[in-house]
C-alpha atoms as a PDB file:
ATOM      1  CA  UNK A   1      24.775   7.282  -7.323  1.00  0.00           C
ATOM      2  CA  UNK A   2      24.020   3.638  -6.601  1.00  0.00           C
ATOM      3  CA  UNK A   3      20.889   1.789  -7.380  1.00  0.00           C
ATOM      4  CA  UNK A   4      19.091  -1.200  -7.394  1.00  0.00           C
ATOM      5  CA  UNK A   5      18.205  -2.217 -10.993  1.00  0.00           C
ATOM      6  CA  UNK A   6      16.042  -5.262 -12.404  1.00  0.00           C
ATOM      7  CA  UNK A   7      18.217  -6.606 -15.464  1.00  0.00           C
ATOM      8  CA  UNK A   8      15.590  -9.280 -16.442  1.00  0.00           C
ATOM      9  CA  UNK A   9      13.550 -11.919 -14.873  1.00  0.00           C
ATOM     10  CA  UNK A  10      14.597 -12.509 -11.359  1.00  0.00           C
ATOM     11  CA  UNK A  11      18.368 -10.509 -12.226  1.00  0.00           C
ATOM     12  CA  UNK A  12      18.702  -7.351  -9.830  1.00  0.00           C
ATOM     13  CA  UNK A  13      21.983  -6.074  -9.264  1.00  0.00           C
ATOM     14  CA  UNK A  14      23.142  -3.053  -8.262  1.00  0.00           C
ATOM     15  CA  UNK A  15      24.999  -0.694 -10.052  1.00  0.00           C
ATOM     16  CA  UNK A  16      26.379   2.904 -10.382  1.00  0.00           C
ATOM     17  CA  UNK A  17      24.044   5.445 -12.301  1.00  0.00           C
ATOM     18  CA  UNK A  18      23.528   8.708 -13.148  1.00  0.00           C
ATOM     19  CA  UNK A  19      21.847  10.666 -11.021  1.00  0.00           C
ATOM     20  CA  UNK A  20      18.275  11.574 -12.721  1.00  0.00           C
ATOM     21  CA  UNK A  21      18.147  15.126 -14.664  1.00  0.00           C
ATOM     22  CA  UNK A  22      15.278  17.430 -13.470  1.00  0.00           C
ATOM     23  CA  UNK A  23      12.576  18.845 -15.486  1.00  0.00           C
ATOM     24  CA  UNK A  24      11.638  22.338 -14.572  1.00  0.00           C
ATOM     25  CA  UNK A  25       8.577  21.313 -11.858  1.00  0.00           C
ATOM     26  CA  UNK A  26      10.571  17.816 -10.256  1.00  0.00           C
ATOM     27  CA  UNK A  27      12.580  18.045  -6.556  1.00  0.00           C
ATOM     28  CA  UNK A  28      15.319  15.599  -6.447  1.00  0.00           C
ATOM     29  CA  UNK A  29      15.066  13.349  -3.052  1.00  0.00           C
ATOM     30  CA  UNK A  30      18.019  12.126  -1.318  1.00  0.00           C
ATOM     31  CA  UNK A  31      16.126   8.710  -0.519  1.00  0.00           C
ATOM     32  CA  UNK A  32      16.416   7.575   3.546  1.00  0.00           C
ATOM     33  CA  UNK A  33      14.686   4.557   3.389  1.00  0.00           C
ATOM     34  CA  UNK A  34      12.375   2.233   0.333  1.00  0.00           C
ATOM     35  CA  UNK A  35      10.037  -0.458   0.672  1.00  0.00           C
ATOM     36  CA  UNK A  36       9.239  -3.650  -1.087  1.00  0.00           C
ATOM     37  CA  UNK A  37       5.543  -3.396  -2.348  1.00  0.00           C
ATOM     38  CA  UNK A  38       3.394  -6.826  -3.524  1.00  0.00           C
ATOM     39  CA  UNK A  39       3.241  -5.197  -6.558  1.00  0.00           C
ATOM     40  CA  UNK A  40       7.113  -4.997  -6.509  1.00  0.00           C
ATOM     41  CA  UNK A  41       7.657  -8.865  -6.534  1.00  0.00           C
ATOM     42  CA  UNK A  42       5.393  -9.688 -10.046  1.00  0.00           C
ATOM     43  CA  UNK A  43       8.052  -6.923 -11.442  1.00  0.00           C
ATOM     44  CA  UNK A  44      11.267  -8.822 -10.275  1.00  0.00           C
ATOM     45  CA  UNK A  45      10.285 -12.354 -10.246  1.00  0.00           C
ATOM     46  CA  UNK A  46       7.902 -12.369 -13.505  1.00  0.00           C
ATOM     47  CA  UNK A  47      10.065  -9.041 -15.045  1.00  0.00           C
ATOM     48  CA  UNK A  48       6.628  -7.207 -16.019  1.00  0.00           C
ATOM     49  CA  UNK A  49       8.188  -3.819 -15.834  1.00  0.00           C
ATOM     50  CA  UNK A  50       7.824  -1.657 -18.888  1.00  0.00           C
ATOM     51  CA  UNK A  51      11.238  -2.073 -19.984  1.00  0.00           C
ATOM     52  CA  UNK A  52      14.851  -3.129 -18.831  1.00  0.00           C
ATOM     53  CA  UNK A  53      16.615  -2.554 -17.166  1.00  0.00           C
ATOM     54  CA  UNK A  54      14.695  -0.480 -14.311  1.00  0.00           C
ATOM     55  CA  UNK A  55      15.133   0.488 -11.093  1.00  0.00           C
ATOM     56  CA  UNK A  56      11.736  -0.370  -8.579  1.00  0.00           C
ATOM     57  CA  UNK A  57      11.036   1.310  -5.520  1.00  0.00           C
ATOM     58  CA  UNK A  58       8.186   3.527  -4.623  1.00  0.00           C
ATOM     59  CA  UNK A  59       7.352   3.581  -1.427  1.00  0.00           C
ATOM     60  CA  UNK A  60      10.043   6.165  -0.257  1.00  0.00           C
ATOM     61  CA  UNK A  61      10.890   9.034   2.000  1.00  0.00           C
ATOM     62  CA  UNK A  62      13.482  11.251   2.541  1.00  0.00           C
ATOM     63  CA  UNK A  63      15.029  14.983   1.650  1.00  0.00           C
ATOM     64  CA  UNK A  64      14.773  17.041  -0.698  1.00  0.00           C
ATOM     65  CA  UNK A  65      18.336  18.302  -2.199  1.00  0.00           C
ATOM     66  CA  UNK A  66      17.859  19.981  -5.390  1.00  0.00           C
ATOM     67  CA  UNK A  67      14.697  21.800  -7.579  1.00  0.00           C
ATOM     68  CA  UNK A  68      14.113  22.312 -10.887  1.00  0.00           C
ATOM     69  CA  UNK A  69      13.615  25.457 -12.413  1.00  0.00           C
ATOM     70  CA  UNK A  70      10.021  25.924 -11.834  1.00  0.00           C
ATOM     71  CA  UNK A  71      10.488  25.168  -7.939  1.00  0.00           C
ATOM     72  CA  UNK A  72      11.308  27.035  -4.921  1.00  0.00           C
ATOM     73  CA  UNK A  73      14.688  26.783  -3.380  1.00  0.00           C
ATOM     74  CA  UNK A  74      12.816  26.825   0.295  1.00  0.00           C
ATOM     75  CA  UNK A  75      11.997  23.370  -0.945  1.00  0.00           C
ATOM     76  CA  UNK A  76      15.219  22.445  -0.281  1.00  0.00           C
ATOM     77  CA  UNK A  77      16.331  20.387   3.185  1.00  0.00           C
ATOM     78  CA  UNK A  78      12.778  19.369   3.711  1.00  0.00           C
ATOM     79  CA  UNK A  79      11.789  15.999   4.850  1.00  0.00           C
ATOM     80  CA  UNK A  80       9.402  14.626   2.527  1.00  0.00           C
ATOM     81  CA  UNK A  81       7.333  11.326   1.137  1.00  0.00           C
ATOM     82  CA  UNK A  82       6.770  11.466  -2.233  1.00  0.00           C
ATOM     83  CA  UNK A  83       3.124  10.042  -4.154  1.00  0.00           C
ATOM     84  CA  UNK A  84       4.127   7.162  -6.866  1.00  0.00           C
ATOM     85  CA  UNK A  85       1.723   8.243  -9.344  1.00  0.00           C
ATOM     86  CA  UNK A  86       2.095  10.688 -12.219  1.00  0.00           C
ATOM     87  CA  UNK A  87      -1.028  11.844 -13.343  1.00  0.00           C
ATOM     88  CA  UNK A  88      -2.081  14.035 -16.878  1.00  0.00           C
ATOM     89  CA  UNK A  89      -4.203  16.530 -15.237  1.00  0.00           C
ATOM     90  CA  UNK A  90      -6.609  16.416 -18.420  1.00  0.00           C
ATOM     91  CA  UNK A  91      -7.975  13.283 -19.052  1.00  0.00           C
ATOM     92  CA  UNK A  92     -12.384  13.191 -17.819  1.00  0.00           C
ATOM     93  CA  UNK A  93     -10.976  11.087 -14.679  1.00  0.00           C
ATOM     94  CA  UNK A  94      -8.420  13.751 -13.754  1.00  0.00           C
ATOM     95  CA  UNK A  95     -10.937  16.445 -14.808  1.00  0.00           C
ATOM     96  CA  UNK A  96     -13.559  14.969 -12.601  1.00  0.00           C
ATOM     97  CA  UNK A  97     -11.396  14.806  -9.459  1.00  0.00           C
ATOM     98  CA  UNK A  98     -11.017  10.969  -9.396  1.00  0.00           C
ATOM     99  CA  UNK A  99      -7.113  11.113 -10.228  1.00  0.00           C
ATOM    100  CA  UNK A 100      -6.457   7.592  -9.283  1.00  0.00           C
ATOM    101  CA  UNK A 101      -8.412   6.573 -12.515  1.00  0.00           C
ATOM    102  CA  UNK A 102      -6.177   8.903 -14.834  1.00  0.00           C
ATOM    103  CA  UNK A 103      -6.183   7.309 -18.118  1.00  0.00           C
ATOM    104  CA  UNK A 104      -2.678   8.661 -18.763  1.00  0.00           C
ATOM    105  CA  UNK A 105      -0.861   8.037 -15.959  1.00  0.00           C
ATOM    106  CA  UNK A 106       2.741   7.370 -15.441  1.00  0.00           C
ATOM    107  CA  UNK A 107       4.201   5.855 -12.093  1.00  0.00           C
ATOM    108  CA  UNK A 108       7.413   6.135 -10.541  1.00  0.00           C
ATOM    109  CA  UNK A 109       9.365   2.602  -9.791  1.00  0.00           C
ATOM    110  CA  UNK A 110       7.610   1.189 -12.865  1.00  0.00           C
ATOM    111  CA  UNK A 111       6.847   3.618 -15.852  1.00  0.00           C
ATOM    112  CA  UNK A 112      10.104   5.427 -14.354  1.00  0.00           C
ATOM    113  CA  UNK A 113      13.067   5.046 -12.448  1.00  0.00           C
ATOM    114  CA  UNK A 114      12.010   4.632  -9.052  1.00  0.00           C
ATOM    115  CA  UNK A 115      13.561   4.849  -5.395  1.00  0.00           C
ATOM    116  CA  UNK A 116      16.178   2.093  -4.723  1.00  0.00           C
ATOM    117  CA  UNK A 117      18.526   4.295  -5.488  1.00  0.00           C
ATOM    118  CA  UNK A 118      20.239   7.174  -3.877  1.00  0.00           C
ATOM    119  CA  UNK A 119      18.397   9.669  -5.350  1.00  0.00           C
ATOM    120  CA  UNK A 120      14.989   9.942  -7.403  1.00  0.00           C
ATOM    121  CA  UNK A 121      13.516  12.446  -9.197  1.00  0.00           C
ATOM    122  CA  UNK A 122       9.445  13.497  -7.795  1.00  0.00           C
ATOM    123  CA  UNK A 123       6.955  16.326  -9.330  1.00  0.00           C
ATOM    124  CA  UNK A 124       6.864  18.939  -7.274  1.00  0.00           C
ATOM    125  CA  UNK A 125       2.813  18.403  -6.787  1.00  0.00           C
ATOM    126  CA  UNK A 126       3.989  14.690  -5.514  1.00  0.00           C
ATOM    127  CA  UNK A 127       5.873  15.773  -2.844  1.00  0.00           C
ATOM    128  CA  UNK A 128       4.208  15.895   0.941  1.00  0.00           C
ATOM    129  CA  UNK A 129       6.286  17.472   3.691  1.00  0.00           C
ATOM    130  CA  UNK A 130       6.988  14.982   7.062  1.00  0.00           C
ATOM    131  CA  UNK A 131       6.512  16.155  10.451  1.00  0.00           C
ATOM    132  CA  UNK A 132       9.572  16.221  12.406  1.00  0.00           C
ATOM    133  CA  UNK A 133       7.723  13.428  15.017  1.00  0.00           C
ATOM    134  CA  UNK A 134       7.713  11.146  12.200  1.00  0.00           C
ATOM    135  CA  UNK A 135      10.758   9.231  11.546  1.00  0.00           C
ATOM    136  CA  UNK A 136      11.744   8.239   7.864  1.00  0.00           C
ATOM    137  CA  UNK A 137      11.191   4.573   8.273  1.00  0.00           C
ATOM    138  CA  UNK A 138       7.653   4.799   9.400  1.00  0.00           C
ATOM    139  CA  UNK A 139       7.282   7.718   6.817  1.00  0.00           C
ATOM    140  CA  UNK A 140       7.927   4.980   4.098  1.00  0.00           C
ATOM    141  CA  UNK A 141       5.256   3.400   5.351  1.00  0.00           C
ATOM    142  CA  UNK A 142       2.426   6.175   4.023  1.00  0.00           C
ATOM    143  CA  UNK A 143       1.977   4.923   0.770  1.00  0.00           C
ATOM    144  CA  UNK A 144       0.571   1.462   1.880  1.00  0.00           C
ATOM    145  CA  UNK A 145      -1.257   2.971   4.246  1.00  0.00           C
ATOM    146  CA  UNK A 146      -2.880   5.293   2.598  1.00  0.00           C
ATOM    147  CA  UNK A 147      -4.041   2.609   0.278  1.00  0.00           C
ATOM    148  CA  UNK A 148      -5.657   0.992   3.228  1.00  0.00           C
ATOM    149  CA  UNK A 149      -7.368   4.433   4.000  1.00  0.00           C
ATOM    150  CA  UNK A 150      -8.855   4.960   0.337  1.00  0.00           C
ATOM    151  CA  UNK A 151     -10.349   1.580   0.699  1.00  0.00           C
ATOM    152  CA  UNK A 152     -11.713   2.605   4.596  1.00  0.00           C
ATOM    153  CA  UNK A 153     -13.233   5.680   2.582  1.00  0.00           C
ATOM    154  CA  UNK A 154     -14.557   4.235  -0.645  1.00  0.00           C
ATOM    155  CA  UNK A 155     -18.126   3.190   0.792  1.00  0.00           C
ATOM    156  CA  UNK A 156     -19.876   5.008   3.825  1.00  0.00           C
ATOM    157  CA  UNK A 157     -18.791   3.821   6.895  1.00  0.00           C
ATOM    158  CA  UNK A 158     -20.064   4.174  10.917  1.00  0.00           C
ATOM    159  CA  UNK A 159     -18.382   4.720  13.806  1.00  0.00           C
ATOM    160  CA  UNK A 160     -18.957   1.178  15.657  1.00  0.00           C
ATOM    161  CA  UNK A 161     -19.557  -0.888  12.872  1.00  0.00           C
ATOM    162  CA  UNK A 162     -17.996  -4.307  12.620  1.00  0.00           C
ATOM    163  CA  UNK A 163     -15.686  -4.908   9.667  1.00  0.00           C
ATOM    164  CA  UNK A 164     -13.756  -8.561   8.405  1.00  0.00           C
ATOM    165  CA  UNK A 165     -10.524  -7.711   6.675  1.00  0.00           C
ATOM    166  CA  UNK A 166      -9.734 -11.166   4.263  1.00  0.00           C
ATOM    167  CA  UNK A 167      -5.860 -11.008   4.056  1.00  0.00           C
ATOM    168  CA  UNK A 168      -3.159  -9.938   6.449  1.00  0.00           C
ATOM    169  CA  UNK A 169      -0.820  -8.511   4.262  1.00  0.00           C
ATOM    170  CA  UNK A 170       0.571  -5.101   4.203  1.00  0.00           C
ATOM    171  CA  UNK A 171      -2.539  -3.690   2.741  1.00  0.00           C
ATOM    172  CA  UNK A 172      -4.368  -5.446   5.460  1.00  0.00           C
ATOM    173  CA  UNK A 173      -2.958  -4.186   8.164  1.00  0.00           C
ATOM    174  CA  UNK A 174      -3.193  -1.296   6.562  1.00  0.00           C
ATOM    175  CA  UNK A 175      -6.574  -1.461   6.761  1.00  0.00           C
ATOM    176  CA  UNK A 176      -7.244  -2.538  10.337  1.00  0.00           C
ATOM    177  CA  UNK A 177      -4.814   0.354  11.481  1.00  0.00           C
ATOM    178  CA  UNK A 178      -7.491   2.569   9.281  1.00  0.00           C
ATOM    179  CA  UNK A 179     -10.216   1.357  11.094  1.00  0.00           C
ATOM    180  CA  UNK A 180      -9.240   1.091  14.373  1.00  0.00           C
ATOM    181  CA  UNK A 181      -8.431   5.550  13.617  1.00  0.00           C
ATOM    182  CA  UNK A 182     -11.582   5.375  12.158  1.00  0.00           C
ATOM    183  CA  UNK A 183     -13.751   4.343  15.292  1.00  0.00           C
ATOM    184  CA  UNK A 184     -14.444   0.727  13.979  1.00  0.00           C
ATOM    185  CA  UNK A 185     -16.285  -1.693  16.251  1.00  0.00           C
ATOM    186  CA  UNK A 186     -15.254  -5.118  16.615  1.00  0.00           C
ATOM    187  CA  UNK A 187     -12.763  -6.115  13.586  1.00  0.00           C
ATOM    188  CA  UNK A 188     -11.776  -9.419  12.334  1.00  0.00           C
ATOM    189  CA  UNK A 189      -8.932 -10.478  10.489  1.00  0.00           C
ATOM    190  CA  UNK A 190      -8.613 -13.881   8.663  1.00  0.00           C
ATOM    191  CA  UNK A 191      -5.056 -14.979   7.619  1.00  0.00           C
ATOM    192  CA  UNK A 192      -3.169 -18.835   7.728  1.00  0.00           C
ATOM    193  CA  UNK A 193       0.010 -17.509   8.618  1.00  0.00           C
ATOM    194  CA  UNK A 194      -0.082 -17.213  12.640  1.00  0.00           C
ATOM    195  CA  UNK A 195       2.631 -14.502  12.585  1.00  0.00           C
ATOM    196  CA  UNK A 196       0.501 -11.775  10.686  1.00  0.00           C
ATOM    197  CA  UNK A 197      -2.358 -12.635  12.584  1.00  0.00           C
ATOM    198  CA  UNK A 198      -0.303 -12.185  15.884  1.00  0.00           C
ATOM    199  CA  UNK A 199       0.938  -8.741  13.640  1.00  0.00           C
ATOM    200  CA  UNK A 200      -2.966  -7.937  13.618  1.00  0.00           C
ATOM    201  CA  UNK A 201      -3.539  -8.045  16.776  1.00  0.00           C
ATOM    202  CA  UNK A 202      -0.970  -5.954  17.780  1.00  0.00           C
ATOM    203  CA  UNK A 203      -2.541  -3.403  15.603  1.00  0.00           C
ATOM    204  CA  UNK A 204      -6.044  -3.478  16.325  1.00  0.00           C
ATOM    205  CA  UNK A 205      -8.159  -6.847  14.997  1.00  0.00           C
ATOM    206  CA  UNK A 206     -10.215  -7.510  17.882  1.00  0.00           C
ATOM    207  CA  UNK A 207     -10.410 -11.690  16.400  1.00  0.00           C
ATOM    208  CA  UNK A 208      -8.175 -13.088  14.645  1.00  0.00           C
ATOM    209  CA  UNK A 209      -8.818 -16.274  13.090  1.00  0.00           C
ATOM    210  CA  UNK A 210      -7.112 -18.870  10.912  1.00  0.00           C
ATOM    211  CA  UNK A 211      -9.554 -20.616   8.498  1.00  0.00           C
ATOM    212  CA  UNK A 212      -7.458 -23.526   8.641  1.00  0.00           C
ATOM    213  CA  UNK A 213      -8.578 -23.969  12.123  1.00  0.00           C
ATOM    214  CA  UNK A 214     -11.505 -21.924  11.947  1.00  0.00           C
ATOM    215  CA  UNK A 215     -14.960 -22.612   9.902  1.00  0.00           C
ATOM    216  CA  UNK A 216     -15.673 -19.124   9.300  1.00  0.00           C
ATOM    217  CA  UNK A 217     -19.305 -19.979   7.800  1.00  0.00           C
ATOM    218  CA  UNK A 218     -20.065 -21.684  10.946  1.00  0.00           C
ATOM    219  CA  UNK A 219     -18.130 -19.177  13.297  1.00  0.00           C
ATOM    220  CA  UNK A 220     -20.076 -16.229  11.237  1.00  0.00           C
ATOM    221  CA  UNK A 221     -23.510 -18.171  12.252  1.00  0.00           C
ATOM    222  CA  UNK A 222     -23.083 -18.268  15.972  1.00  0.00           C
ATOM    223  CA  UNK A 223     -21.283 -13.895  15.942  1.00  0.00           C
ATOM    224  CA  UNK A 224     -21.981 -11.278  14.719  1.00  0.00           C
ATOM    225  CA  UNK A 225     -21.728 -10.577  11.142  1.00  0.00           C
ATOM    226  CA  UNK A 226     -19.621  -7.427  10.106  1.00  0.00           C
ATOM    227  CA  UNK A 227     -21.292  -4.554   8.541  1.00  0.00           C
ATOM    228  CA  UNK A 228     -18.337  -4.019   5.794  1.00  0.00           C
ATOM    229  CA  UNK A 229     -16.034  -6.360   4.543  1.00  0.00           C
ATOM    230  CA  UNK A 230     -12.349  -5.814   2.670  1.00  0.00           C
ATOM    231  CA  UNK A 231     -11.005  -8.426   0.579  1.00  0.00           C
ATOM    232  CA  UNK A 232      -7.165  -7.793   0.463  1.00  0.00           C
ATOM    233  CA  UNK A 233      -5.812 -11.070  -0.062  1.00  0.00           C
ATOM    234  CA  UNK A 234      -6.255 -11.226  -3.836  1.00  0.00           C
ATOM    235  CA  UNK A 235      -7.020 -14.824  -3.840  1.00  0.00           C
ATOM    236  CA  UNK A 236     -10.035 -16.798  -5.522  1.00  0.00           C
ATOM    237  CA  UNK A 237     -11.408 -18.416  -2.464  1.00  0.00           C
ATOM    238  CA  UNK A 238     -11.524 -15.217   0.024  1.00  0.00           C
ATOM    239  CA  UNK A 239     -13.276 -13.040  -3.253  1.00  0.00           C
ATOM    240  CA  UNK A 240     -15.941 -15.453  -2.798  1.00  0.00           C
ATOM    241  CA  UNK A 241     -16.200 -15.609   0.487  1.00  0.00           C
ATOM    242  CA  UNK A 242     -16.515 -11.429   0.958  1.00  0.00           C
ATOM    243  CA  UNK A 243     -19.913 -11.806  -0.714  1.00  0.00           C
ATOM    244  CA  UNK A 244     -20.967 -15.110   1.566  1.00  0.00           C
ATOM    245  CA  UNK A 245     -19.624 -14.036   4.678  1.00  0.00           C
ATOM    246  CA  UNK A 246     -20.689  -9.979   4.365  1.00  0.00           C
ATOM    247  CA  UNK A 247     -23.784  -9.292   6.976  1.00  0.00           C
ATOM    248  CA  UNK A 248     -27.357  -8.562   5.156  1.00  0.00           C
ATOM    249  CA  UNK A 249     -27.073  -4.651   3.934  1.00  0.00           C
ATOM    250  CA  UNK A 250     -23.495  -5.301   4.163  1.00  0.00           C
ATOM    251  CA  UNK A 251     -20.572  -3.634   2.332  1.00  0.00           C
ATOM    252  CA  UNK A 252     -17.762  -5.260   0.544  1.00  0.00           C
ATOM    253  CA  UNK A 253     -14.422  -3.592  -0.496  1.00  0.00           C
ATOM    254  CA  UNK A 254     -12.336  -5.905  -3.098  1.00  0.00           C
ATOM    255  CA  UNK A 255      -8.496  -4.031  -2.772  1.00  0.00           C
ATOM    256  CA  UNK A 256      -6.719  -7.271  -3.431  1.00  0.00           C
ATOM    257  CA  UNK A 257      -5.308  -7.743  -7.134  1.00  0.00           C
ATOM    258  CA  UNK A 258      -6.136 -10.548  -9.242  1.00  0.00           C
ATOM    259  CA  UNK A 259      -4.101 -13.513 -10.333  1.00  0.00           C
ATOM    260  CA  UNK A 260      -6.370 -16.445 -11.051  1.00  0.00           C
ATOM    261  CA  UNK A 261      -9.887 -16.702 -12.552  1.00  0.00           C
ATOM    262  CA  UNK A 262     -13.291 -16.560 -10.209  1.00  0.00           C
ATOM    263  CA  UNK A 263     -15.748 -18.825  -9.971  1.00  0.00           C
ATOM    264  CA  UNK A 264     -18.730 -17.997  -8.303  1.00  0.00           C
ATOM    265  CA  UNK A 265     -21.766 -20.772  -7.751  1.00  0.00           C
ATOM    266  CA  UNK A 266     -25.444 -20.037  -7.956  1.00  0.00           C
ATOM    267  CA  UNK A 267     -26.208 -19.711  -4.781  1.00  0.00           C
ATOM    268  CA  UNK A 268     -23.019 -17.598  -3.428  1.00  0.00           C
ATOM    269  CA  UNK A 269     -23.533 -14.908  -6.599  1.00  0.00           C
ATOM    270  CA  UNK A 270     -27.075 -14.769  -5.518  1.00  0.00           C
ATOM    271  CA  UNK A 271     -26.150 -13.587  -1.981  1.00  0.00           C
ATOM    272  CA  UNK A 272     -25.466 -10.281  -3.626  1.00  0.00           C
ATOM    273  CA  UNK A 273     -28.767  -9.297  -4.226  1.00  0.00           C
ATOM    274  CA  UNK A 274     -30.430 -11.525  -1.739  1.00  0.00           C
ATOM    275  CA  UNK A 275     -28.623  -9.551   1.183  1.00  0.00           C
ATOM    276  CA  UNK A 276     -28.606  -6.591  -0.864  1.00  0.00           C
ATOM    277  CA  UNK A 277     -24.835  -5.749  -0.620  1.00  0.00           C
ATOM    278  CA  UNK A 278     -23.042  -2.711  -1.672  1.00  0.00           C
ATOM    279  CA  UNK A 279     -19.718  -3.299  -3.703  1.00  0.00           C
ATOM    280  CA  UNK A 280     -16.746  -1.861  -4.715  1.00  0.00           C
ATOM    281  CA  UNK A 281     -13.213  -1.602  -5.937  1.00  0.00           C
ATOM    282  CA  UNK A 282     -10.423   0.143  -4.234  1.00  0.00           C
ATOM    283  CA  UNK A 283      -7.948   1.595  -6.930  1.00  0.00           C
ATOM    284  CA  UNK A 284      -5.007   3.046  -4.980  1.00  0.00           C
ATOM    285  CA  UNK A 285      -5.276   6.027  -2.695  1.00  0.00           C
ATOM    286  CA  UNK A 286      -5.276   9.386  -4.070  1.00  0.00           C
ATOM    287  CA  UNK A 287      -8.429  11.915  -4.671  1.00  0.00           C
ATOM    288  CA  UNK A 288      -8.677  15.726  -5.166  1.00  0.00           C
ATOM    289  CA  UNK A 289      -6.868  17.670  -4.970  1.00  0.00           C
ATOM    290  CA  UNK A 290      -4.040  15.421  -6.172  1.00  0.00           C
ATOM    291  CA  UNK A 291      -2.431  13.934  -4.440  1.00  0.00           C
ATOM    292  CA  UNK A 292      -5.254  13.678  -1.876  1.00  0.00           C
ATOM    293  CA  UNK A 293      -6.089  14.183   1.712  1.00  0.00           C
ATOM    294  CA  UNK A 294      -4.837  10.485   2.159  1.00  0.00           C
ATOM    295  CA  UNK A 295      -1.842  11.701   2.037  1.00  0.00           C
ATOM    296  CA  UNK A 296      -1.424  13.867   4.597  1.00  0.00           C
ATOM    297  CA  UNK A 297      -4.060  12.400   6.647  1.00  0.00           C
ATOM    298  CA  UNK A 298      -1.769   9.178   7.478  1.00  0.00           C
ATOM    299  CA  UNK A 299       0.927  11.526   8.184  1.00  0.00           C
ATOM    300  CA  UNK A 300      -1.455  13.326  10.706  1.00  0.00           C
ATOM    301  CA  UNK A 301      -2.335   9.631  12.185  1.00  0.00           C
ATOM    302  CA  UNK A 302       1.410   9.101  12.894  1.00  0.00           C
ATOM    303  CA  UNK A 303       2.290  12.382  14.176  1.00  0.00           C
ATOM    304  CA  UNK A 304      -0.957  11.601  16.982  1.00  0.00           C
ATOM    305  CA  UNK A 305       0.161   8.549  17.264  1.00  0.00           C
ATOM    306  CA  UNK A 306      -3.409   6.971  16.313  1.00  0.00           C
ATOM    307  CA  UNK A 307      -1.518   4.460  14.376  1.00  0.00           C
ATOM    308  CA  UNK A 308       1.651   2.718  14.884  1.00  0.00           C
ATOM    309  CA  UNK A 309       2.655   1.277  12.091  1.00  0.00           C
ATOM    310  CA  UNK A 310       6.058   0.649  12.697  1.00  0.00           C
ATOM    311  CA  UNK A 311       5.642  -2.868  14.263  1.00  0.00           C
ATOM    312  CA  UNK A 312       4.933  -3.670  10.403  1.00  0.00           C
ATOM    313  CA  UNK A 313       8.498  -3.189   9.626  1.00  0.00           C
ATOM    314  CA  UNK A 314       9.853  -6.986   9.887  1.00  0.00           C
ATOM    315  CA  UNK A 315      12.987  -6.351   7.974  1.00  0.00           C
ATOM    316  CA  UNK A 316      15.661  -3.788   6.890  1.00  0.00           C
ATOM    317  CA  UNK A 317      18.452  -4.287   4.314  1.00  0.00           C
ATOM    318  CA  UNK A 318      21.269  -2.545   2.604  1.00  0.00           C
ATOM    319  CA  UNK A 319      20.853  -1.676  -1.303  1.00  0.00           C
ATOM    320  CA  UNK A 320      24.214  -4.646  -1.584  1.00  0.00           C
ATOM    321  CA  UNK A 321      21.548  -6.946  -0.724  1.00  0.00           C
ATOM    322  CA  UNK A 322      20.464  -7.201  -3.795  1.00  0.00           C
ATOM    323  CA  UNK A 323      17.416  -9.122  -4.131  1.00  0.00           C
ATOM    324  CA  UNK A 324      18.233 -11.129  -1.174  1.00  0.00           C
ATOM    325  CA  UNK A 325      14.749  -9.831   0.438  1.00  0.00           C
ATOM    326  CA  UNK A 326      12.477 -10.311  -2.859  1.00  0.00           C
ATOM    327  CA  UNK A 327      13.237 -14.521  -2.154  1.00  0.00           C
ATOM    328  CA  UNK A 328      12.531 -14.171   1.850  1.00  0.00           C
ATOM    329  CA  UNK A 329       9.394 -12.417   1.157  1.00  0.00           C
ATOM    330  CA  UNK A 330       8.725 -15.529  -1.522  1.00  0.00           C
ATOM    331  CA  UNK A 331       9.328 -18.224   0.657  1.00  0.00           C
ATOM    332  CA  UNK A 332       6.527 -19.808   1.981  1.00  0.00           C
ATOM    333  CA  UNK A 333       4.809 -19.317   5.419  1.00  0.00           C
ATOM    334  CA  UNK A 334       7.520 -15.853   5.148  1.00  0.00           C
ATOM    335  CA  UNK A 335       6.535 -14.191   8.294  1.00  0.00           C
ATOM    336  CA  UNK A 336       7.523 -10.431   6.763  1.00  0.00           C
ATOM    337  CA  UNK A 337       5.342  -7.860   6.305  1.00  0.00           C
ATOM    338  CA  UNK A 338       7.043  -5.498   5.519  1.00  0.00           C
ATOM    339  CA  UNK A 339      10.650  -4.922   4.184  1.00  0.00           C
ATOM    340  CA  UNK A 340      12.798  -1.706   3.812  1.00  0.00           C
ATOM    341  CA  UNK A 341      15.944  -0.865   2.039  1.00  0.00           C
ATOM    342  CA  UNK A 342      18.104   1.864   3.977  1.00  0.00           C
ATOM    343  CA  UNK A 343      19.410   3.971   1.492  1.00  0.00           C
ATOM    344  CA  UNK A 344      20.483   6.971   3.245  1.00  0.00           C
ATOM    345  CA  UNK A 345      18.670   6.033   6.736  1.00  0.00           C
ATOM    346  CA  UNK A 346      17.746   8.642   9.292  1.00  0.00           C
ATOM    347  CA  UNK A 347      19.063  12.153   9.757  1.00  0.00           C
ATOM    348  CA  UNK A 348      21.407  11.980  12.425  1.00  0.00           C
END
């Protein structure tokens, strides 16, 4: 089969490799589309993979074409997506119904070959069937959307409650879509990229704010403060702002991945107790029973038209493009939100 493999830092090549051999409880998925996740960028640019060469890709859709010995052949031909987390099912976290905190986890596209390839092997328990009304392109966006949905569910959220999202990347936009589907009140989105703010407005944001043009502290002194704040940018500035911009008695959910030290001044940090904030983190998008309600709910939202994520797809490339879309995503002020590799494409 054809596959796109990272061979070293910033070296990614299209190659010919063997179709994966199946374990007894696995299925073989013929990949239709696979998205590039923000977590794939350091795997390519910084060589942050478990071994070279490695086939990346974990946001995929496709069709089951082969079943392992312990999988019913009735699964053949099903249109599916695959949850990429591989859980042990035995550690204390798994037994407590928290598979997202598995202590012995693996991950498709990181620990084992991913879906930047014509075929990918997936445990049957990780498979979720896709309704006929949902296209393969849209289904490839389920994984990032579930991260946003899981974040919304991390703390009690009241219908009509105002929300602030710091960062309008793919996950920030997924949070916007999930909030709108869940009946949020006014939704504020902050980002310095005007194109991303335009996308946020298209999928449900009521107010978009560019901190290069608007002083956020002053704005929220004069307007309603959000009851819940989602930090999705993973930047030291927004990680502090999540605390300072939250309303009294508010909730803060940290979603973005940190890459630098975070420094709080005393008057910033003390707002946690002065405003009696509830603060939590968000780890991926899974719950019990594995892989979790988030996955089927996302597909149901798409099927009913409660969310429309197609606007997030800003580029589609063939595998032959190799690393070109990675460099596009890294450009300063890139307008891209979600780029997909088209591998098998839509069913004809």
